PDB file of N, CA and C in Angstrom:
ATOM      1  N   MET A   1     -33.629  -2.422  24.381  1.00  0.00           N
ATOM      2  CA  MET A   1     -34.105  -2.749  23.060  1.00  0.00           C
ATOM      3  C   MET A   1     -33.974  -1.551  22.121  1.00  0.00           C
ATOM      4  N   THR A   2     -34.208  -0.370  22.633  1.00  0.00           N
ATOM      5  CA  THR A   2     -34.085   0.831  21.812  1.00  0.00           C
ATOM      6  C   THR A   2     -32.654   1.016  21.336  1.00  0.00           C
ATOM      7  N   GLN A   3     -31.701   0.630  22.149  1.00  0.00           N
ATOM      8  CA  GLN A   3     -30.297   0.771  21.773  1.00  0.00           C
ATOM      9  C   GLN A   3     -29.956  -0.121  20.584  1.00  0.00           C
ATOM     10  N   ASP A   4     -30.599  -1.267  20.501  1.00  0.00           N
ATOM     11  CA  ASP A   4     -30.366  -2.149  19.366  1.00  0.00           C
ATOM     12  C   ASP A   4     -30.802  -1.486  18.056  1.00  0.00           C
ATOM     13  N   TYR A   5     -31.948  -0.811  18.091  1.00  0.00           N
ATOM     14  CA  TYR A   5     -32.418  -0.118  16.890  1.00  0.00           C
ATOM     15  C   TYR A   5     -31.501   1.046  16.535  1.00  0.00           C
ATOM     16  N   LEU A   6     -31.018   1.769  17.523  1.00  0.00           N
ATOM     17  CA  LEU A   6     -30.114   2.885  17.250  1.00  0.00           C
ATOM     18  C   LEU A   6     -28.800   2.382  16.656  1.00  0.00           C
ATOM     19  N   ALA A   7     -28.316   1.256  17.134  1.00  0.00           N
ATOM     20  CA  ALA A   7     -27.100   0.675  16.573  1.00  0.00           C
ATOM     21  C   ALA A   7     -27.324   0.262  15.123  1.00  0.00           C
ATOM     22  N   PHE A   8     -28.509  -0.271  14.825  1.00  0.00           N
ATOM     23  CA  PHE A   8     -28.823  -0.669  13.451  1.00  0.00           C
ATOM     24  C   PHE A   8     -28.809   0.536  12.517  1.00  0.00           C
ATOM     25  N   PHE A   9     -29.435   1.645  12.940  1.00  0.00           N
ATOM     26  CA  PHE A   9     -29.454   2.829  12.091  1.00  0.00           C
ATOM     27  C   PHE A   9     -28.084   3.483  12.001  1.00  0.00           C
ATOM     28  N   GLY A  10     -27.216   3.222  12.950  1.00  0.00           N
ATOM     29  CA  GLY A  10     -25.852   3.737  12.884  1.00  0.00           C
ATOM     30  C   GLY A  10     -25.064   3.131  11.732  1.00  0.00           C
ATOM     31  N   LEU A  11     -25.507   1.984  11.240  1.00  0.00           N
ATOM     32  CA  LEU A  11     -24.832   1.367  10.100  1.00  0.00           C
ATOM     33  C   LEU A  11     -24.950   2.208   8.843  1.00  0.00           C
ATOM     34  N   PHE A  12     -26.018   3.016   8.761  1.00  0.00           N
ATOM     35  CA  PHE A  12     -26.261   3.818   7.568  1.00  0.00           C
ATOM     36  C   PHE A  12     -25.792   5.263   7.710  1.00  0.00           C
ATOM     37  N   ALA A  13     -25.150   5.572   8.813  1.00  0.00           N
ATOM     38  CA  ALA A  13     -24.642   6.930   9.035  1.00  0.00           C
ATOM     39  C   ALA A  13     -23.441   7.168   8.128  1.00  0.00           C
ATOM     40  N   PRO A  14     -23.136   8.419   7.834  1.00  0.00           N
ATOM     41  CA  PRO A  14     -21.956   8.685   7.008  1.00  0.00           C
ATOM     42  C   PRO A  14     -20.697   8.196   7.705  1.00  0.00           C
ATOM     43  N   ARG A  15     -19.828   7.624   6.930  1.00  0.00           N
ATOM     44  CA  ARG A  15     -18.576   7.078   7.471  1.00  0.00           C
ATOM     45  C   ARG A  15     -17.498   8.150   7.496  1.00  0.00           C
ATOM     46  N   ALA A  16     -16.549   7.960   8.371  1.00  0.00           N
ATOM     47  CA  ALA A  16     -15.395   8.861   8.419  1.00  0.00           C
ATOM     48  C   ALA A  16     -14.557   8.637   7.162  1.00  0.00           C
ATOM     49  N   ALA A  17     -13.773   9.621   6.820  1.00  0.00           N
ATOM     50  CA  ALA A  17     -12.888   9.503   5.661  1.00  0.00           C
ATOM     51  C   ALA A  17     -11.912   8.354   5.878  1.00  0.00           C
ATOM     52  N   ALA A  18     -11.341   7.870   4.805  1.00  0.00           N
ATOM     53  CA  ALA A  18     -10.415   6.747   4.888  1.00  0.00           C
ATOM     54  C   ALA A  18      -9.269   7.070   5.844  1.00  0.00           C
ATOM     55  N   ILE A  19      -8.903   6.102   6.622  1.00  0.00           N
ATOM     56  CA  ILE A  19      -7.849   6.280   7.615  1.00  0.00           C
ATOM     57  C   ILE A  19      -6.496   6.140   6.924  1.00  0.00           C
ATOM     58  N   ASP A  20      -5.577   7.032   7.235  1.00  0.00           N
ATOM     59  CA  ASP A  20      -4.233   6.945   6.678  1.00  0.00           C
ATOM     60  C   ASP A  20      -3.460   5.848   7.399  1.00  0.00           C
ATOM     61  N   VAL A  21      -2.855   4.976   6.635  1.00  0.00           N
ATOM     62  CA  VAL A  21      -1.957   3.961   7.176  1.00  0.00           C
ATOM     63  C   VAL A  21      -0.566   4.405   6.758  1.00  0.00           C
ATOM     64  N   THR A  22       0.116   5.079   7.647  1.00  0.00           N
ATOM     65  CA  THR A  22       1.399   5.664   7.270  1.00  0.00           C
ATOM     66  C   THR A  22       2.556   4.700   7.439  1.00  0.00           C
ATOM     67  N   VAL A  23       2.281   3.478   7.848  1.00  0.00           N
ATOM     68  CA  VAL A  23       3.335   2.483   8.007  1.00  0.00           C
ATOM     69  C   VAL A  23       3.526   1.773   6.670  1.00  0.00           C
ATOM     70  N   TRP A  24       4.763   1.713   6.211  1.00  0.00           N
ATOM     71  CA  TRP A  24       5.065   1.009   4.973  1.00  0.00           C
ATOM     72  C   TRP A  24       4.991  -0.482   5.231  1.00  0.00           C
ATOM     73  N   HIS A  25       4.403  -1.240   4.322  1.00  0.00           N
ATOM     74  CA  HIS A  25       4.362  -2.689   4.429  1.00  0.00           C
ATOM     75  C   HIS A  25       4.631  -3.306   3.065  1.00  0.00           C
ATOM     76  N   LYS A  26       5.120  -4.554   3.086  1.00  0.00           N
ATOM     77  CA  LYS A  26       5.486  -5.237   1.845  1.00  0.00           C
ATOM     78  C   LYS A  26       4.268  -5.455   0.975  1.00  0.00           C
ATOM     79  N   HIS A  27       4.499  -5.377  -0.334  1.00  0.00           N
ATOM     80  CA  HIS A  27       3.402  -5.550  -1.288  1.00  0.00           C
ATOM     81  C   HIS A  27       3.947  -6.278  -2.508  1.00  0.00           C
ATOM     82  N   ASN A  28       3.191  -7.236  -3.006  1.00  0.00           N
ATOM     83  CA  ASN A  28       3.550  -7.971  -4.219  1.00  0.00           C
ATOM     84  C   ASN A  28       2.485  -7.698  -5.279  1.00  0.00           C
ATOM     85  N   PRO A  29       2.691  -6.663  -6.100  1.00  0.00           N
ATOM     86  CA  PRO A  29       1.659  -6.301  -7.082  1.00  0.00           C
ATOM     87  C   PRO A  29       1.617  -7.269  -8.258  1.00  0.00           C
ATOM     88  N   LEU A  30       0.435  -7.463  -8.796  1.00  0.00           N
ATOM     89  CA  LEU A  30       0.282  -8.271 -10.007  1.00  0.00           C
ATOM     90  C   LEU A  30       0.546  -7.433 -11.254  1.00  0.00           C
ATOM     91  N   LEU A  31       0.220  -6.155 -11.180  1.00  0.00           N
ATOM     92  CA  LEU A  31       0.421  -5.237 -12.296  1.00  0.00           C
ATOM     93  C   LEU A  31       1.484  -4.207 -11.914  1.00  0.00           C
ATOM     94  N   PRO A  32       2.157  -3.610 -12.882  1.00  0.00           N
ATOM     95  CA  PRO A  32       3.145  -2.575 -12.561  1.00  0.00           C
ATOM     96  C   PRO A  32       2.497  -1.402 -11.820  1.00  0.00           C
ATOM     97  N   VAL A  33       3.231  -0.836 -10.893  1.00  0.00           N
ATOM     98  CA  VAL A  33       2.745   0.297 -10.115  1.00  0.00           C
ATOM     99  C   VAL A  33       3.665   1.488 -10.342  1.00  0.00           C
ATOM    100  N   ARG A  34       3.168   2.689 -10.060  1.00  0.00           N
ATOM    101  CA  ARG A  34       3.964   3.909 -10.192  1.00  0.00           C
ATOM    102  C   ARG A  34       4.609   4.205  -8.849  1.00  0.00           C
ATOM    103  N   LEU A  35       5.921   4.318  -8.849  1.00  0.00           N
ATOM    104  CA  LEU A  35       6.656   4.607  -7.619  1.00  0.00           C
ATOM    105  C   LEU A  35       6.567   6.083  -7.284  1.00  0.00           C
ATOM    106  N   THR A  36       6.682   6.416  -5.995  1.00  0.00           N
ATOM    107  CA  THR A  36       6.550   7.809  -5.567  1.00  0.00           C
ATOM    108  C   THR A  36       7.664   8.685  -6.119  1.00  0.00           C
ATOM    109  N   ASP A  37       8.858   8.119  -6.316  1.00  0.00           N
ATOM    110  CA  ASP A  37       9.961   8.922  -6.839  1.00  0.00           C
ATOM    111  C   ASP A  37      10.006   8.948  -8.360  1.00  0.00           C
ATOM    112  N   GLY A  38       9.105   8.234  -9.026  1.00  0.00           N
ATOM    113  CA  GLY A  38       9.034   8.248 -10.483  1.00  0.00           C
ATOM    114  C   GLY A  38      10.036   7.341 -11.166  1.00  0.00           C
ATOM    115  N   ALA A  39      10.794   6.556 -10.412  1.00  0.00           N
ATOM    116  CA  ALA A  39      11.792   5.660 -10.993  1.00  0.00           C
ATOM    117  C   ALA A  39      11.111   4.460 -11.640  1.00  0.00           C
ATOM    118  N   ASN A  40      11.858   3.785 -12.507  1.00  0.00           N
ATOM    119  CA  ASN A  40      11.348   2.569 -13.128  1.00  0.00           C
ATOM    120  C   ASN A  40      11.461   1.409 -12.151  1.00  0.00           C
ATOM    121  N   LEU A  41      10.586   0.430 -12.300  1.00  0.00           N
ATOM    122  CA  LEU A  41      10.641  -0.748 -11.448  1.00  0.00           C
ATOM    123  C   LEU A  41      11.828  -1.622 -11.825  1.00  0.00           C
ATOM    124  N   ASN A  42      12.554  -2.112 -10.831  1.00  0.00           N
ATOM    125  CA  ASN A  42      13.623  -3.078 -11.045  1.00  0.00           C
ATOM    126  C   ASN A  42      13.016  -4.469 -11.028  1.00  0.00           C
ATOM    127  N   PRO A  43      13.618  -5.419 -11.748  1.00  0.00           N
ATOM    128  CA  PRO A  43      13.100  -6.782 -11.692  1.00  0.00           C
ATOM    129  C   PRO A  43      13.205  -7.382 -10.295  1.00  0.00           C
ATOM    130  N   SER A  44      14.198  -6.974  -9.541  1.00  0.00           N
ATOM    131  CA  SER A  44      14.312  -7.449  -8.166  1.00  0.00           C
ATOM    132  C   SER A  44      14.186  -6.249  -7.236  1.00  0.00           C
ATOM    133  N   GLY A  45      14.104  -6.512  -5.982  1.00  0.00           N
ATOM    134  CA  GLY A  45      13.896  -5.437  -5.021  1.00  0.00           C
ATOM    135  C   GLY A  45      12.468  -5.454  -4.525  1.00  0.00           C
ATOM    136  N   GLN A  46      12.306  -5.403  -3.222  1.00  0.00           N
ATOM    137  CA  GLN A  46      10.989  -5.487  -2.604  1.00  0.00           C
ATOM    138  C   GLN A  46      10.214  -4.189  -2.796  1.00  0.00           C
ATOM    139  N   ILE A  47       8.930  -4.302  -3.111  1.00  0.00           N
ATOM    140  CA  ILE A  47       8.049  -3.142  -3.251  1.00  0.00           C
ATOM    141  C   ILE A  47       7.303  -2.954  -1.934  1.00  0.00           C
ATOM    142  N   TRP A  48       7.236  -1.713  -1.491  1.00  0.00           N
ATOM    143  CA  TRP A  48       6.551  -1.343  -0.258  1.00  0.00           C
ATOM    144  C   TRP A  48       5.433  -0.379  -0.597  1.00  0.00           C
ATOM    145  N   ARG A  49       4.363  -0.395   0.202  1.00  0.00           N
ATOM    146  CA  ARG A  49       3.276   0.549  -0.034  1.00  0.00           C
ATOM    147  C   ARG A  49       2.705   1.034   1.293  1.00  0.00           C
ATOM    148  N   ARG A  50       2.033   2.214   1.223  1.00  0.00           N
ATOM    149  CA  ARG A  50       1.298   2.757   2.358  1.00  0.00           C
ATOM    150  C   ARG A  50       0.133   3.564   1.815  1.00  0.00           C
ATOM    151  N   PHE A  51      -0.892   3.718   2.641  1.00  0.00           N
ATOM    152  CA  PHE A  51      -2.063   4.505   2.278  1.00  0.00           C
ATOM    153  C   PHE A  51      -1.902   5.864   2.931  1.00  0.00           C
ATOM    154  N   HIS A  52      -1.705   6.893   2.123  1.00  0.00           N
ATOM    155  CA  HIS A  52      -1.404   8.220   2.650  1.00  0.00           C
ATOM    156  C   HIS A  52      -2.222   9.257   1.898  1.00  0.00           C
ATOM    157  N   LEU A  53      -2.959  10.080   2.628  1.00  0.00           N
ATOM    158  CA  LEU A  53      -3.776  11.156   2.059  1.00  0.00           C
ATOM    159  C   LEU A  53      -4.745  10.641   0.998  1.00  0.00           C
ATOM    160  N   GLY A  54      -5.351   9.496   1.266  1.00  0.00           N
ATOM    161  CA  GLY A  54      -6.381   8.987   0.394  1.00  0.00           C
ATOM    162  C   GLY A  54      -5.930   8.206  -0.820  1.00  0.00           C
ATOM    163  N   GLU A  55      -4.651   7.911  -0.946  1.00  0.00           N
ATOM    164  CA  GLU A  55      -4.192   7.117  -2.079  1.00  0.00           C
ATOM    165  C   GLU A  55      -2.996   6.268  -1.676  1.00  0.00           C
ATOM    166  N   TRP A  56      -2.761   5.214  -2.436  1.00  0.00           N
ATOM    167  CA  TRP A  56      -1.637   4.333  -2.158  1.00  0.00           C
ATOM    168  C   TRP A  56      -0.355   4.926  -2.727  1.00  0.00           C
ATOM    169  N   GLU A  57       0.726   4.839  -1.953  1.00  0.00           N
ATOM    170  CA  GLU A  57       2.056   5.247  -2.400  1.00  0.00           C
ATOM    171  C   GLU A  57       2.942   4.009  -2.415  1.00  0.00           C
ATOM    172  N   TYR A  58       3.796   3.921  -3.412  1.00  0.00           N
ATOM    173  CA  TYR A  58       4.671   2.757  -3.569  1.00  0.00           C
ATOM    174  C   TYR A  58       6.120   3.209  -3.625  1.00  0.00           C
ATOM    175  N   LYS A  59       6.998   2.406  -3.031  1.00  0.00           N
ATOM    176  CA  LYS A  59       8.435   2.623  -3.176  1.00  0.00           C
ATOM    177  C   LYS A  59       9.101   1.262  -3.272  1.00  0.00           C
ATOM    178  N   GLN A  60      10.345   1.246  -3.734  1.00  0.00           N
ATOM    179  CA  GLN A  60      11.049  -0.017  -3.925  1.00  0.00           C
ATOM    180  C   GLN A  60      12.428   0.072  -3.296  1.00  0.00           C
ATOM    181  N   ASP A  61      12.812  -1.020  -2.634  1.00  0.00           N
ATOM    182  CA  ASP A  61      14.159  -1.094  -2.086  1.00  0.00           C
ATOM    183  C   ASP A  61      15.159  -1.087  -3.234  1.00  0.00           C
ATOM    184  N   PRO A  62      16.295  -0.460  -3.035  1.00  0.00           N
ATOM    185  CA  PRO A  62      17.304  -0.489  -4.099  1.00  0.00           C
ATOM    186  C   PRO A  62      17.850  -1.907  -4.273  1.00  0.00           C
ATOM    187  N   GLU A  63      18.256  -2.181  -5.478  1.00  0.00           N
ATOM    188  CA  GLU A  63      18.815  -3.492  -5.785  1.00  0.00           C
ATOM    189  C   GLU A  63      20.230  -3.584  -5.233  1.00  0.00           C
ATOM    190  N   THR A  64      20.528  -4.620  -4.489  1.00  0.00           N
ATOM    191  CA  THR A  64      21.872  -4.806  -3.937  1.00  0.00           C
ATOM    192  C   THR A  64      22.757  -5.507  -4.969  1.00  0.00           C
ATOM    193  N   LEU A  65      24.064  -5.521  -4.718  1.00  0.00           N
ATOM    194  CA  LEU A  65      24.997  -6.190  -5.619  1.00  0.00           C
ATOM    195  C   LEU A  65      24.692  -7.684  -5.684  1.00  0.00           C
ATOM    196  N   ASP A  66      24.331  -8.281  -4.558  1.00  0.00           N
ATOM    197  CA  ASP A  66      23.978  -9.705  -4.552  1.00  0.00           C
ATOM    198  C   ASP A  66      22.742  -9.967  -5.400  1.00  0.00           C
ATOM    199  N   ASP A  67      21.760  -9.083  -5.339  1.00  0.00           N
ATOM    200  CA  ASP A  67      20.554  -9.233  -6.160  1.00  0.00           C
ATOM    201  C   ASP A  67      20.911  -9.159  -7.649  1.00  0.00           C
ATOM    202  N   TYR A  68      21.787  -8.215  -7.990  1.00  0.00           N
ATOM    203  CA  TYR A  68      22.182  -8.041  -9.396  1.00  0.00           C
ATOM    204  C   TYR A  68      22.908  -9.275  -9.891  1.00  0.00           C
ATOM    205  N   GLN A  69      23.842  -9.770  -9.106  1.00  0.00           N
ATOM    206  CA  GLN A  69      24.601 -10.959  -9.531  1.00  0.00           C
ATOM    207  C   GLN A  69      23.705 -12.181  -9.630  1.00  0.00           C
ATOM    208  N   ALA A  70      22.753 -12.335  -8.741  1.00  0.00           N
ATOM    209  CA  ALA A  70      21.849 -13.477  -8.809  1.00  0.00           C
ATOM    210  C   ALA A  70      20.949 -13.396 -10.030  1.00  0.00           C
ATOM    211  N   ARG A  71      20.617 -12.204 -10.467  1.00  0.00           N
ATOM    212  CA  ARG A  71      19.756 -12.025 -11.630  1.00  0.00           C
ATOM    213  C   ARG A  71      20.477 -12.308 -12.931  1.00  0.00           C
ATOM    214  N   GLN A  72      21.815 -12.287 -12.933  1.00  0.00           N
ATOM    215  CA  GLN A  72      22.582 -12.498 -14.142  1.00  0.00           C
ATOM    216  C   GLN A  72      22.577 -13.955 -14.583  1.00  0.00           C
ATOM    217  N   TYR A  73      22.244 -14.874 -13.717  1.00  0.00           N
ATOM    218  CA  TYR A  73      22.323 -16.320 -14.072  1.00  0.00           C
ATOM    219  C   TYR A  73      20.975 -16.925 -14.167  1.00  0.00           C
TER     220      TYR A  73
END
């Protein structure tokens, strides 16, 4: 029974710092985001993000020739 109370008070203990998720994963933002390389966003091209050193980083796949041609019509 004492362990139950200790577990309850553990909920209020200081938490560890945010965990870095260094794996890039697909992201579909609703608002424009700032890319890590400072480039402008392309209308096509998948946006990727990861949580690194306490903040989100974004990058975008380069636009392929097929993507460009499909966007023209």
